[in-house]
Amino acid sequence: MTEIPAPVARVRDAAETLGLDIGLRVMDVSARTAEEAAAACGCVVGAIVKSLVFRGVASGAPILLLVSGANRVNETKVAEAIGEAIERPDAAFVRGATGFAIGGIPPFAHATPLASFFDRDLLDHASVWAAAGTPHAVFAVSPKALQAAIGAPAIVMG
């Protein structure tokens, strides 16, 4: 068996710790965008989990939004739901908070604990696909199991 990259192993090990049954896949093609991931996984774009890190305007804390690939984040709606305005940070902030580069951020296994919120639209799918530590690694999981494992409240994001 080919050795998997360290970030992917970190995701695999964290999934096991969380009790999540994931279908891990390391690919030759990039899954950096939701469209690329959907094509590579053979699913609809809405079944892709975009792990987007924002920063709380007042707190300065990182906030993880797990968003359906079919949706764009409505920052006003999200702010109302979570009780704080959000802003997009730079890539260095994202990497420092998660330990992963943009395009490969998983929904868990981060460098620091992140307040996380789950797009309600992801719950419409039997299975969803998320990044697994690099732009070339993804995993399939039940959205309900993922949401429960990470304790992220479901909110409207789009």
N, C-alpha and C. Protein backbone atom coordinates (compact mmCIF):
# COMPACT_ATOMS: atom_id res chain seq x y z
N MET A 1 0.84 -1.20 0.00
CA MET A 1 0.00 0.00 0.00
C MET A 1 0.88 1.24 0.00
N THR A 2 0.49 2.23 -0.77
CA THR A 2 1.22 3.48 -0.83
C THR A 2 0.98 4.27 0.45
N GLU A 3 2.05 4.85 0.95
CA GLU A 3 1.93 5.64 2.17
C GLU A 3 1.13 6.92 1.87
N ILE A 4 0.22 7.25 2.77
CA ILE A 4 -0.58 8.46 2.54
C ILE A 4 0.12 9.67 3.16
N PRO A 5 -0.11 10.86 2.61
CA PRO A 5 0.52 12.06 3.15
C PRO A 5 0.14 12.29 4.61
N ALA A 6 1.04 12.91 5.37
CA ALA A 6 0.83 13.15 6.80
C ALA A 6 -0.48 13.89 7.10
N PRO A 7 -0.85 14.94 6.36
CA PRO A 7 -2.12 15.61 6.67
C PRO A 7 -3.33 14.68 6.50
N VAL A 8 -3.28 13.78 5.52
CA VAL A 8 -4.37 12.84 5.29
C VAL A 8 -4.43 11.81 6.42
N ALA A 9 -3.26 11.36 6.86
CA ALA A 9 -3.21 10.43 7.99
C ALA A 9 -3.79 11.08 9.25
N ARG A 10 -3.53 12.37 9.42
CA ARG A 10 -4.09 13.10 10.58
C ARG A 10 -5.61 13.10 10.54
N VAL A 11 -6.17 13.31 9.35
CA VAL A 11 -7.63 13.30 9.18
C VAL A 11 -8.17 11.89 9.43
N ARG A 12 -7.53 10.90 8.86
CA ARG A 12 -7.96 9.51 9.05
C ARG A 12 -7.98 9.14 10.53
N ASP A 13 -6.91 9.50 11.24
CA ASP A 13 -6.81 9.17 12.66
C ASP A 13 -7.85 9.93 13.49
N ALA A 14 -8.10 11.19 13.15
CA ALA A 14 -9.11 11.98 13.87
C ALA A 14 -10.50 11.42 13.62
N ALA A 15 -10.78 10.97 12.40
CA ALA A 15 -12.08 10.37 12.10
C ALA A 15 -12.29 9.13 12.95
N GLU A 16 -11.25 8.33 13.07
CA GLU A 16 -11.34 7.12 13.89
C GLU A 16 -11.62 7.48 15.35
N THR A 17 -10.93 8.49 15.85
CA THR A 17 -11.14 8.95 17.24
C THR A 17 -12.57 9.44 17.44
N LEU A 18 -13.11 10.11 16.43
CA LEU A 18 -14.49 10.61 16.50
C LEU A 18 -15.53 9.52 16.27
N GLY A 19 -15.08 8.34 15.89
CA GLY A 19 -16.02 7.25 15.61
C GLY A 19 -16.72 7.38 14.27
N LEU A 20 -16.10 8.12 13.36
CA LEU A 20 -16.68 8.31 12.03
C LEU A 20 -16.18 7.27 11.05
N ASP A 21 -17.10 6.69 10.31
CA ASP A 21 -16.76 5.74 9.25
C ASP A 21 -16.65 6.55 7.97
N ILE A 22 -15.42 6.76 7.51
CA ILE A 22 -15.22 7.58 6.31
C ILE A 22 -14.65 6.73 5.18
N GLY A 23 -15.04 7.09 3.98
CA GLY A 23 -14.49 6.47 2.78
C GLY A 23 -13.41 7.37 2.24
N LEU A 24 -12.17 7.15 2.66
CA LEU A 24 -11.04 8.01 2.29
C LEU A 24 -10.56 7.68 0.87
N ARG A 25 -10.30 8.73 0.10
CA ARG A 25 -9.82 8.56 -1.27
C ARG A 25 -8.73 9.59 -1.56
N VAL A 26 -7.53 9.11 -1.93
CA VAL A 26 -6.46 9.99 -2.39
C VAL A 26 -6.42 9.85 -3.91
N MET A 27 -6.50 10.99 -4.61
CA MET A 27 -6.67 10.99 -6.06
C MET A 27 -5.50 11.65 -6.78
N ASP A 28 -5.40 11.36 -8.06
CA ASP A 28 -4.40 12.01 -8.90
C ASP A 28 -4.86 13.39 -9.35
N VAL A 29 -6.18 13.62 -9.31
CA VAL A 29 -6.72 14.90 -9.76
C VAL A 29 -7.00 15.79 -8.55
N SER A 30 -7.04 17.09 -8.77
CA SER A 30 -7.30 18.04 -7.70
C SER A 30 -8.79 18.11 -7.37
N ALA A 31 -9.06 18.29 -6.09
CA ALA A 31 -10.43 18.53 -5.62
C ALA A 31 -10.45 19.83 -4.83
N ARG A 32 -9.67 20.80 -5.29
CA ARG A 32 -9.52 22.08 -4.58
C ARG A 32 -10.83 22.87 -4.56
N THR A 33 -11.60 22.83 -5.65
CA THR A 33 -12.87 23.55 -5.69
C THR A 33 -14.02 22.55 -5.57
N ALA A 34 -15.19 23.05 -5.24
CA ALA A 34 -16.37 22.19 -5.12
C ALA A 34 -16.67 21.51 -6.45
N GLU A 35 -16.50 22.22 -7.55
CA GLU A 35 -16.78 21.66 -8.87
C GLU A 35 -15.80 20.55 -9.20
N GLU A 36 -14.50 20.77 -8.92
CA GLU A 36 -13.49 19.74 -9.16
C GLU A 36 -13.77 18.50 -8.29
N ALA A 37 -14.13 18.75 -7.04
CA ALA A 37 -14.39 17.64 -6.12
C ALA A 37 -15.60 16.83 -6.57
N ALA A 38 -16.66 17.51 -6.99
CA ALA A 38 -17.87 16.81 -7.45
C ALA A 38 -17.56 15.95 -8.67
N ALA A 39 -16.79 16.49 -9.60
CA ALA A 39 -16.42 15.72 -10.79
C ALA A 39 -15.59 14.50 -10.41
N ALA A 40 -14.63 14.69 -9.52
CA ALA A 40 -13.75 13.59 -9.11
C ALA A 40 -14.50 12.52 -8.31
N CYS A 41 -15.49 12.94 -7.53
CA CYS A 41 -16.22 12.01 -6.66
C CYS A 41 -17.46 11.42 -7.32
N GLY A 42 -17.86 11.99 -8.46
CA GLY A 42 -19.05 11.51 -9.15
C GLY A 42 -20.33 11.83 -8.41
N CYS A 43 -20.40 13.03 -7.85
CA CYS A 43 -21.60 13.44 -7.11
C CYS A 43 -22.03 14.83 -7.54
N VAL A 44 -23.17 15.28 -7.05
CA VAL A 44 -23.63 16.64 -7.33
C VAL A 44 -22.82 17.62 -6.48
N VAL A 45 -22.69 18.84 -6.94
CA VAL A 45 -21.91 19.86 -6.24
C VAL A 45 -22.46 20.11 -4.83
N GLY A 46 -23.78 19.99 -4.67
CA GLY A 46 -24.39 20.22 -3.36
C GLY A 46 -23.97 19.22 -2.30
N ALA A 47 -23.41 18.07 -2.71
CA ALA A 47 -22.96 17.05 -1.76
C ALA A 47 -21.49 17.22 -1.38
N ILE A 48 -20.89 18.30 -1.82
CA ILE A 48 -19.51 18.62 -1.44
C ILE A 48 -19.55 19.54 -0.23
N VAL A 49 -18.72 19.23 0.76
CA VAL A 49 -18.60 20.07 1.96
C VAL A 49 -17.43 21.03 1.75
N LYS A 50 -17.75 22.32 1.67
CA LYS A 50 -16.69 23.33 1.62
C LYS A 50 -16.39 23.72 3.07
N SER A 51 -15.14 23.55 3.50
CA SER A 51 -14.72 23.94 4.85
C SER A 51 -14.12 25.34 4.73
N LEU A 52 -14.90 26.35 5.11
CA LEU A 52 -14.49 27.75 4.96
C LEU A 52 -14.25 28.37 6.32
N VAL A 53 -13.07 28.94 6.50
CA VAL A 53 -12.72 29.58 7.77
C VAL A 53 -12.92 31.08 7.64
N PHE A 54 -13.68 31.62 8.57
CA PHE A 54 -13.88 33.05 8.69
C PHE A 54 -13.30 33.49 10.03
N ARG A 55 -13.28 34.79 10.25
CA ARG A 55 -12.83 35.33 11.54
C ARG A 55 -13.98 36.16 12.10
N GLY A 56 -14.24 35.97 13.40
CA GLY A 56 -15.23 36.80 14.07
C GLY A 56 -14.73 38.23 14.15
N VAL A 57 -15.53 39.19 13.74
CA VAL A 57 -15.09 40.59 13.73
C VAL A 57 -14.81 41.08 15.14
N ALA A 58 -15.67 40.79 16.08
CA ALA A 58 -15.49 41.26 17.45
C ALA A 58 -14.46 40.43 18.22
N SER A 59 -14.54 39.11 18.08
CA SER A 59 -13.68 38.21 18.87
C SER A 59 -12.32 37.95 18.26
N GLY A 60 -12.23 38.06 16.94
CA GLY A 60 -10.99 37.70 16.25
C GLY A 60 -10.78 36.20 16.17
N ALA A 61 -11.74 35.42 16.65
CA ALA A 61 -11.62 33.96 16.69
C ALA A 61 -11.92 33.34 15.33
N PRO A 62 -11.26 32.23 15.01
CA PRO A 62 -11.59 31.52 13.77
C PRO A 62 -12.94 30.82 13.91
N ILE A 63 -13.70 30.84 12.83
CA ILE A 63 -15.02 30.23 12.79
C ILE A 63 -15.07 29.38 11.53
N LEU A 64 -15.39 28.09 11.69
CA LEU A 64 -15.46 27.18 10.57
C LEU A 64 -16.90 27.03 10.11
N LEU A 65 -17.13 27.30 8.83
CA LEU A 65 -18.43 27.08 8.22
C LEU A 65 -18.31 25.91 7.27
N LEU A 66 -19.12 24.88 7.50
CA LEU A 66 -19.16 23.72 6.61
C LEU A 66 -20.34 23.92 5.69
N VAL A 67 -20.05 24.28 4.45
CA VAL A 67 -21.03 24.80 3.51
C VAL A 67 -21.22 23.85 2.33
N SER A 68 -22.47 23.67 1.92
CA SER A 68 -22.76 22.89 0.72
C SER A 68 -22.07 23.54 -0.48
N GLY A 69 -21.48 22.70 -1.33
CA GLY A 69 -20.81 23.21 -2.52
C GLY A 69 -21.70 24.00 -3.44
N ALA A 70 -23.02 23.83 -3.31
CA ALA A 70 -23.96 24.56 -4.16
C ALA A 70 -24.26 25.95 -3.61
N ASN A 71 -23.83 26.25 -2.40
CA ASN A 71 -24.19 27.51 -1.75
C ASN A 71 -23.02 28.47 -1.62
N ARG A 72 -23.37 29.75 -1.61
CA ARG A 72 -22.43 30.81 -1.25
C ARG A 72 -22.82 31.28 0.14
N VAL A 73 -21.84 31.63 0.94
CA VAL A 73 -22.11 32.09 2.29
C VAL A 73 -22.74 33.48 2.26
N ASN A 74 -23.90 33.60 2.90
CA ASN A 74 -24.52 34.90 3.10
C ASN A 74 -24.04 35.37 4.47
N GLU A 75 -23.05 36.24 4.49
CA GLU A 75 -22.40 36.65 5.73
C GLU A 75 -23.37 37.31 6.71
N THR A 76 -24.37 38.00 6.21
CA THR A 76 -25.36 38.64 7.08
C THR A 76 -26.20 37.59 7.79
N LYS A 77 -26.70 36.60 7.04
CA LYS A 77 -27.49 35.52 7.64
C LYS A 77 -26.68 34.73 8.66
N VAL A 78 -25.44 34.42 8.32
CA VAL A 78 -24.59 33.66 9.23
C VAL A 78 -24.34 34.47 10.50
N ALA A 79 -24.06 35.75 10.36
CA ALA A 79 -23.82 36.59 11.54
C ALA A 79 -25.03 36.60 12.46
N GLU A 80 -26.22 36.68 11.88
CA GLU A 80 -27.45 36.66 12.69
C GLU A 80 -27.58 35.32 13.42
N ALA A 81 -27.23 34.23 12.75
CA ALA A 81 -27.38 32.89 13.33
C ALA A 81 -26.36 32.62 14.43
N ILE A 82 -25.14 33.13 14.27
CA ILE A 82 -24.09 32.81 15.25
C ILE A 82 -23.85 33.91 16.27
N GLY A 83 -24.45 35.08 16.04
CA GLY A 83 -24.34 36.16 17.01
C GLY A 83 -23.10 37.02 16.91
N GLU A 84 -22.42 36.95 15.77
CA GLU A 84 -21.22 37.77 15.56
C GLU A 84 -21.00 37.97 14.07
N ALA A 85 -20.63 39.19 13.69
CA ALA A 85 -20.27 39.45 12.30
C ALA A 85 -19.00 38.69 11.97
N ILE A 86 -18.88 38.27 10.70
CA ILE A 86 -17.70 37.52 10.27
C ILE A 86 -17.04 38.22 9.10
N GLU A 87 -15.75 37.92 8.94
CA GLU A 87 -14.99 38.46 7.82
C GLU A 87 -14.04 37.37 7.31
N ARG A 88 -13.62 37.52 6.07
CA ARG A 88 -12.69 36.55 5.48
C ARG A 88 -11.26 36.93 5.91
N PRO A 89 -10.56 35.99 6.52
CA PRO A 89 -9.17 36.25 6.90
C PRO A 89 -8.22 35.90 5.74
N ASP A 90 -6.93 36.17 5.94
CA ASP A 90 -5.95 35.79 4.93
C ASP A 90 -5.56 34.32 5.10
N ALA A 91 -4.83 33.80 4.11
CA ALA A 91 -4.46 32.39 4.09
C ALA A 91 -3.59 32.00 5.29
N ALA A 92 -2.75 32.90 5.76
CA ALA A 92 -1.89 32.60 6.92
C ALA A 92 -2.73 32.38 8.18
N PHE A 93 -3.78 33.17 8.37
CA PHE A 93 -4.67 33.00 9.51
C PHE A 93 -5.35 31.63 9.43
N VAL A 94 -5.84 31.28 8.24
CA VAL A 94 -6.54 30.01 8.03
C VAL A 94 -5.61 28.84 8.33
N ARG A 95 -4.40 28.88 7.80
CA ARG A 95 -3.44 27.79 8.02
C ARG A 95 -3.05 27.71 9.50
N GLY A 96 -2.88 28.84 10.15
CA GLY A 96 -2.53 28.83 11.57
C GLY A 96 -3.63 28.23 12.43
N ALA A 97 -4.87 28.52 12.09
CA ALA A 97 -6.01 28.02 12.87
C ALA A 97 -6.27 26.54 12.63
N THR A 98 -6.10 26.11 11.37
CA THR A 98 -6.48 24.74 11.01
C THR A 98 -5.30 23.78 10.93
N GLY A 99 -4.14 24.29 10.55
CA GLY A 99 -2.99 23.42 10.29
C GLY A 99 -3.02 22.86 8.88
N PHE A 100 -3.94 23.34 8.06
CA PHE A 100 -4.09 22.86 6.68
C PHE A 100 -4.12 24.05 5.73
N ALA A 101 -3.70 23.80 4.49
CA ALA A 101 -3.75 24.83 3.46
C ALA A 101 -5.16 24.89 2.87
N ILE A 102 -5.55 26.08 2.41
CA ILE A 102 -6.84 26.27 1.75
C ILE A 102 -6.91 25.31 0.56
N GLY A 103 -8.06 24.67 0.41
CA GLY A 103 -8.25 23.69 -0.66
C GLY A 103 -8.17 22.27 -0.15
N GLY A 104 -7.68 22.10 1.08
CA GLY A 104 -7.58 20.76 1.66
C GLY A 104 -8.08 20.71 3.09
N ILE A 105 -8.76 21.76 3.54
CA ILE A 105 -9.19 21.85 4.94
C ILE A 105 -10.32 20.87 5.22
N PRO A 106 -10.11 19.96 6.16
CA PRO A 106 -11.17 19.02 6.53
C PRO A 106 -12.12 19.64 7.56
N PRO A 107 -13.23 18.99 7.85
CA PRO A 107 -14.17 19.51 8.85
C PRO A 107 -13.73 19.29 10.30
N PHE A 108 -12.63 18.58 10.52
CA PHE A 108 -12.11 18.29 11.87
C PHE A 108 -10.61 18.06 11.75
N ALA A 109 -9.95 17.73 12.87
CA ALA A 109 -8.50 17.47 12.93
C ALA A 109 -7.69 18.76 12.82
N HIS A 110 -8.25 19.85 13.32
CA HIS A 110 -7.59 21.15 13.20
C HIS A 110 -6.52 21.37 14.28
N ALA A 111 -5.63 22.32 14.00
CA ALA A 111 -4.54 22.65 14.92
C ALA A 111 -5.07 23.25 16.22
N THR A 112 -6.18 23.98 16.13
CA THR A 112 -6.81 24.58 17.31
C THR A 112 -8.30 24.30 17.26
N PRO A 113 -8.97 24.29 18.40
CA PRO A 113 -10.42 24.09 18.39
C PRO A 113 -11.10 25.25 17.65
N LEU A 114 -12.07 24.92 16.80
CA LEU A 114 -12.78 25.95 16.05
C LEU A 114 -14.28 25.86 16.33
N ALA A 115 -14.90 27.00 16.54
CA ALA A 115 -16.37 27.03 16.57
C ALA A 115 -16.80 26.64 15.16
N SER A 116 -17.68 25.64 15.04
CA SER A 116 -18.07 25.13 13.73
C SER A 116 -19.58 25.17 13.56
N PHE A 117 -20.00 25.46 12.33
CA PHE A 117 -21.41 25.54 11.99
C PHE A 117 -21.64 24.78 10.69
N PHE A 118 -22.79 24.10 10.60
CA PHE A 118 -23.08 23.13 9.55
C PHE A 118 -24.22 23.63 8.68
N ASP A 119 -24.01 23.69 7.38
CA ASP A 119 -25.03 24.12 6.43
C ASP A 119 -26.19 23.10 6.43
N ARG A 120 -27.40 23.58 6.71
CA ARG A 120 -28.57 22.69 6.73
C ARG A 120 -28.76 21.93 5.43
N ASP A 121 -28.37 22.55 4.31
CA ASP A 121 -28.57 21.91 3.01
C ASP A 121 -27.76 20.63 2.85
N LEU A 122 -26.67 20.48 3.60
CA LEU A 122 -25.88 19.24 3.52
C LEU A 122 -26.67 18.04 4.03
N LEU A 123 -27.63 18.30 4.94
CA LEU A 123 -28.42 17.22 5.52
C LEU A 123 -29.41 16.60 4.54
N ASP A 124 -29.56 17.23 3.35
CA ASP A 124 -30.45 16.70 2.32
C ASP A 124 -29.82 15.52 1.57
N HIS A 125 -28.56 15.23 1.82
CA HIS A 125 -27.84 14.19 1.09
C HIS A 125 -27.60 12.97 1.98
N ALA A 126 -27.63 11.79 1.38
CA ALA A 126 -27.35 10.56 2.13
C ALA A 126 -25.87 10.48 2.50
N SER A 127 -25.03 11.03 1.62
CA SER A 127 -23.59 11.02 1.81
C SER A 127 -23.03 12.32 1.27
N VAL A 128 -22.01 12.85 1.92
CA VAL A 128 -21.34 14.05 1.45
C VAL A 128 -19.84 13.77 1.37
N TRP A 129 -19.15 14.60 0.60
CA TRP A 129 -17.70 14.47 0.42
C TRP A 129 -17.02 15.72 0.96
N ALA A 130 -15.94 15.51 1.73
CA ALA A 130 -15.19 16.63 2.31
C ALA A 130 -13.70 16.45 2.05
N ALA A 131 -12.97 17.56 2.12
CA ALA A 131 -11.51 17.51 1.97
C ALA A 131 -10.91 16.72 3.12
N ALA A 132 -9.81 16.03 2.81
CA ALA A 132 -9.16 15.18 3.81
C ALA A 132 -7.70 15.56 4.04
N GLY A 133 -7.42 16.87 4.04
CA GLY A 133 -6.10 17.32 4.41
C GLY A 133 -5.24 17.88 3.29
N THR A 134 -5.54 17.51 2.05
CA THR A 134 -4.84 18.06 0.89
C THR A 134 -5.86 18.24 -0.23
N PRO A 135 -5.52 19.03 -1.27
CA PRO A 135 -6.45 19.18 -2.40
C PRO A 135 -6.65 17.90 -3.22
N HIS A 136 -5.88 16.86 -2.92
CA HIS A 136 -5.99 15.59 -3.65
C HIS A 136 -6.59 14.47 -2.81
N ALA A 137 -7.11 14.81 -1.65
CA ALA A 137 -7.68 13.78 -0.77
C ALA A 137 -9.06 14.21 -0.30
N VAL A 138 -10.00 13.27 -0.35
CA VAL A 138 -11.38 13.52 0.07
C VAL A 138 -11.89 12.31 0.84
N PHE A 139 -13.00 12.50 1.51
CA PHE A 139 -13.65 11.36 2.14
C PHE A 139 -15.16 11.52 2.07
N ALA A 140 -15.84 10.39 2.03
CA ALA A 140 -17.29 10.36 2.04
C ALA A 140 -17.75 10.02 3.45
N VAL A 141 -18.87 10.61 3.85
CA VAL A 141 -19.39 10.40 5.19
C VAL A 141 -20.88 10.76 5.21
N SER A 142 -21.59 10.20 6.15
CA SER A 142 -22.98 10.60 6.37
C SER A 142 -22.97 12.01 6.94
N PRO A 143 -23.75 12.93 6.36
CA PRO A 143 -23.73 14.29 6.91
C PRO A 143 -24.26 14.35 8.35
N LYS A 144 -25.24 13.51 8.66
CA LYS A 144 -25.78 13.51 10.03
C LYS A 144 -24.72 13.01 11.01
N ALA A 145 -23.97 11.99 10.62
CA ALA A 145 -22.91 11.48 11.49
C ALA A 145 -21.81 12.52 11.66
N LEU A 146 -21.44 13.20 10.58
CA LEU A 146 -20.41 14.23 10.64
C LEU A 146 -20.85 15.36 11.56
N GLN A 147 -22.06 15.84 11.36
CA GLN A 147 -22.57 16.94 12.18
C GLN A 147 -22.57 16.56 13.65
N ALA A 148 -23.04 15.36 13.96
CA ALA A 148 -23.10 14.90 15.36
C ALA A 148 -21.70 14.75 15.94
N ALA A 149 -20.76 14.21 15.17
CA ALA A 149 -19.41 13.95 15.67
C ALA A 149 -18.68 15.23 16.04
N ILE A 150 -18.90 16.29 15.27
CA ILE A 150 -18.18 17.54 15.55
C ILE A 150 -19.01 18.54 16.36
N GLY A 151 -20.28 18.21 16.60
CA GLY A 151 -21.13 19.06 17.44
C GLY A 151 -21.39 20.43 16.84
N ALA A 152 -21.57 20.48 15.53
CA ALA A 152 -21.82 21.76 14.86
C ALA A 152 -23.31 21.98 14.65
N PRO A 153 -23.85 23.09 15.17
CA PRO A 153 -25.25 23.38 14.91
C PRO A 153 -25.52 23.61 13.43
N ALA A 154 -26.68 23.16 12.96
CA ALA A 154 -27.07 23.38 11.57
C ALA A 154 -27.74 24.75 11.46
N ILE A 155 -27.28 25.53 10.49
CA ILE A 155 -27.84 26.86 10.24
C ILE A 155 -28.03 27.04 8.73
N VAL A 156 -28.80 28.07 8.36
CA VAL A 156 -28.95 28.44 6.95
C VAL A 156 -27.76 29.31 6.58
N MET A 157 -27.07 28.94 5.52
CA MET A 157 -25.86 29.68 5.14
C MET A 157 -26.03 30.48 3.87
N GLY A 158 -26.96 30.07 3.01
CA GLY A 158 -27.09 30.74 1.72
C GLY A 158 -28.22 31.71 1.67
